[in-house]
Amino acid sequence: MVSFEGLARREYGLRPTMVWKVQPKGRKGFVMALFKTPDGKTVRKVIAKVDEQGNIIT
């Protein structure tokens, strides 16, 4: 299984500050991540989609 932090690093090359999964019961969801950019800004980005069973769809 892929870790959320590993997925974020592989996709964007930055270390995420925080990663979490948002998935309403019985529906498709997504994985969100907060990144701190080199200029000091914080960016929130969807890094993956999740199916109804909780499996990551990239």
N, C-alpha and C. Protein backbone atom coordinates (compact mmCIF):
# COMPACT_ATOMS: atom_id res chain seq x y z
N MET A 1 0.83 -1.18 0.00
CA MET A 1 0.00 0.00 0.00
C MET A 1 0.88 1.25 0.00
N VAL A 2 0.47 2.24 -0.70
CA VAL A 2 1.20 3.49 -0.82
C VAL A 2 0.85 4.40 0.34
N SER A 3 1.88 4.98 0.97
CA SER A 3 1.60 5.95 2.03
C SER A 3 1.25 7.29 1.39
N PHE A 4 0.45 8.07 2.08
CA PHE A 4 0.03 9.36 1.55
C PHE A 4 1.22 10.30 1.40
N GLU A 5 2.14 10.29 2.38
CA GLU A 5 3.31 11.17 2.30
C GLU A 5 4.21 10.79 1.12
N GLY A 6 4.38 9.47 0.91
CA GLY A 6 5.19 9.01 -0.22
C GLY A 6 4.58 9.40 -1.55
N LEU A 7 3.28 9.33 -1.64
CA LEU A 7 2.58 9.74 -2.86
C LEU A 7 2.78 11.22 -3.13
N ALA A 8 2.68 12.04 -2.11
CA ALA A 8 2.86 13.49 -2.26
C ALA A 8 4.28 13.83 -2.67
N ARG A 9 5.26 13.17 -2.07
CA ARG A 9 6.66 13.43 -2.44
C ARG A 9 6.95 13.05 -3.88
N ARG A 10 6.42 11.90 -4.28
CA ARG A 10 6.66 11.42 -5.64
C ARG A 10 6.02 12.35 -6.67
N GLU A 11 4.83 12.85 -6.39
CA GLU A 11 4.11 13.69 -7.34
C GLU A 11 4.68 15.10 -7.44
N TYR A 12 5.04 15.69 -6.31
CA TYR A 12 5.39 17.11 -6.31
C TYR A 12 6.82 17.42 -5.88
N GLY A 13 7.56 16.46 -5.36
CA GLY A 13 8.94 16.70 -4.98
C GLY A 13 9.11 17.53 -3.72
N LEU A 14 8.02 17.84 -3.06
CA LEU A 14 8.06 18.59 -1.80
C LEU A 14 7.57 17.70 -0.68
N ARG A 15 8.07 17.95 0.51
CA ARG A 15 7.59 17.21 1.68
C ARG A 15 6.32 17.87 2.18
N PRO A 16 5.22 17.12 2.28
CA PRO A 16 3.97 17.73 2.74
C PRO A 16 4.00 18.01 4.23
N THR A 17 3.34 19.10 4.64
CA THR A 17 3.21 19.43 6.05
C THR A 17 2.17 18.53 6.70
N MET A 18 1.08 18.29 5.97
CA MET A 18 -0.02 17.48 6.48
C MET A 18 -0.72 16.80 5.31
N VAL A 19 -1.14 15.54 5.50
CA VAL A 19 -1.86 14.79 4.46
C VAL A 19 -3.05 14.11 5.12
N TRP A 20 -4.23 14.18 4.48
CA TRP A 20 -5.41 13.52 5.03
C TRP A 20 -6.33 13.08 3.90
N LYS A 21 -7.20 12.11 4.24
CA LYS A 21 -8.15 11.58 3.28
C LYS A 21 -9.54 12.12 3.62
N VAL A 22 -10.27 12.58 2.61
CA VAL A 22 -11.64 13.06 2.75
C VAL A 22 -12.51 12.11 1.95
N GLN A 23 -13.40 11.38 2.66
CA GLN A 23 -14.25 10.43 1.96
C GLN A 23 -15.57 10.27 2.71
N PRO A 24 -16.66 10.82 2.16
CA PRO A 24 -17.96 10.60 2.76
C PRO A 24 -18.33 9.11 2.68
N LYS A 25 -19.11 8.64 3.60
CA LYS A 25 -19.47 7.22 3.66
C LYS A 25 -20.13 6.75 2.37
N GLY A 26 -19.52 5.72 1.74
CA GLY A 26 -20.08 5.12 0.54
C GLY A 26 -19.88 5.91 -0.74
N ARG A 27 -19.07 6.94 -0.71
CA ARG A 27 -18.86 7.77 -1.90
C ARG A 27 -17.37 7.85 -2.22
N LYS A 28 -17.09 8.34 -3.44
CA LYS A 28 -15.70 8.56 -3.83
C LYS A 28 -15.13 9.72 -3.04
N GLY A 29 -13.85 9.66 -2.76
CA GLY A 29 -13.20 10.71 -1.99
C GLY A 29 -11.91 11.16 -2.64
N PHE A 30 -11.08 11.85 -1.87
CA PHE A 30 -9.80 12.33 -2.38
C PHE A 30 -8.82 12.49 -1.23
N VAL A 31 -7.54 12.61 -1.59
CA VAL A 31 -6.47 12.80 -0.62
C VAL A 31 -5.96 14.23 -0.77
N MET A 32 -5.98 14.99 0.32
CA MET A 32 -5.52 16.38 0.33
C MET A 32 -4.16 16.46 1.00
N ALA A 33 -3.37 17.45 0.61
CA ALA A 33 -2.06 17.68 1.24
C ALA A 33 -1.80 19.17 1.36
N LEU A 34 -1.12 19.54 2.43
CA LEU A 34 -0.64 20.91 2.61
C LEU A 34 0.86 20.91 2.34
N PHE A 35 1.31 21.82 1.50
CA PHE A 35 2.72 21.96 1.17
C PHE A 35 3.19 23.34 1.57
N LYS A 36 4.40 23.44 2.08
CA LYS A 36 5.03 24.72 2.37
C LYS A 36 6.04 24.98 1.25
N THR A 37 5.82 26.02 0.47
CA THR A 37 6.71 26.33 -0.65
C THR A 37 7.97 27.03 -0.15
N PRO A 38 9.03 27.06 -0.95
CA PRO A 38 10.28 27.71 -0.52
C PRO A 38 10.13 29.20 -0.20
N ASP A 39 9.16 29.87 -0.80
CA ASP A 39 8.98 31.29 -0.51
C ASP A 39 8.10 31.54 0.72
N GLY A 40 7.69 30.46 1.44
CA GLY A 40 6.97 30.61 2.69
C GLY A 40 5.47 30.48 2.60
N LYS A 41 4.93 30.33 1.42
CA LYS A 41 3.48 30.18 1.27
C LYS A 41 3.06 28.75 1.56
N THR A 42 1.82 28.57 1.98
CA THR A 42 1.25 27.25 2.20
C THR A 42 0.21 27.00 1.13
N VAL A 43 0.32 25.84 0.47
CA VAL A 43 -0.57 25.49 -0.64
C VAL A 43 -1.29 24.20 -0.30
N ARG A 44 -2.61 24.17 -0.54
CA ARG A 44 -3.42 22.97 -0.34
C ARG A 44 -3.72 22.39 -1.72
N LYS A 45 -3.50 21.08 -1.88
CA LYS A 45 -3.63 20.47 -3.19
C LYS A 45 -4.21 19.06 -3.07
N VAL A 46 -5.11 18.68 -3.98
CA VAL A 46 -5.60 17.31 -4.07
C VAL A 46 -4.52 16.51 -4.78
N ILE A 47 -4.05 15.43 -4.12
CA ILE A 47 -2.95 14.66 -4.71
C ILE A 47 -3.39 13.31 -5.27
N ALA A 48 -4.58 12.83 -4.88
CA ALA A 48 -5.06 11.54 -5.39
C ALA A 48 -6.56 11.46 -5.19
N LYS A 49 -7.18 10.58 -5.96
CA LYS A 49 -8.59 10.29 -5.80
C LYS A 49 -8.72 8.92 -5.14
N VAL A 50 -9.82 8.71 -4.41
CA VAL A 50 -10.05 7.47 -3.68
C VAL A 50 -11.40 6.91 -4.12
N ASP A 51 -11.45 5.57 -4.39
CA ASP A 51 -12.73 4.97 -4.78
C ASP A 51 -13.58 4.67 -3.54
N GLU A 52 -14.75 4.03 -3.77
CA GLU A 52 -15.71 3.79 -2.69
C GLU A 52 -15.17 2.86 -1.61
N GLN A 53 -14.23 1.96 -1.97
CA GLN A 53 -13.67 1.03 -1.00
C GLN A 53 -12.46 1.59 -0.27
N GLY A 54 -11.99 2.76 -0.62
CA GLY A 54 -10.84 3.38 0.04
C GLY A 54 -9.52 3.16 -0.67
N ASN A 55 -9.54 2.58 -1.87
CA ASN A 55 -8.31 2.36 -2.63
C ASN A 55 -7.94 3.62 -3.39
N ILE A 56 -6.63 3.90 -3.45
CA ILE A 56 -6.14 5.10 -4.11
C ILE A 56 -6.17 4.90 -5.63
N ILE A 57 -6.77 5.86 -6.33
CA ILE A 57 -6.78 5.90 -7.80
C ILE A 57 -5.92 7.09 -8.19
N THR A 58 -4.81 6.87 -8.86
CA THR A 58 -3.94 7.99 -9.24
C THR A 58 -4.19 8.44 -10.64
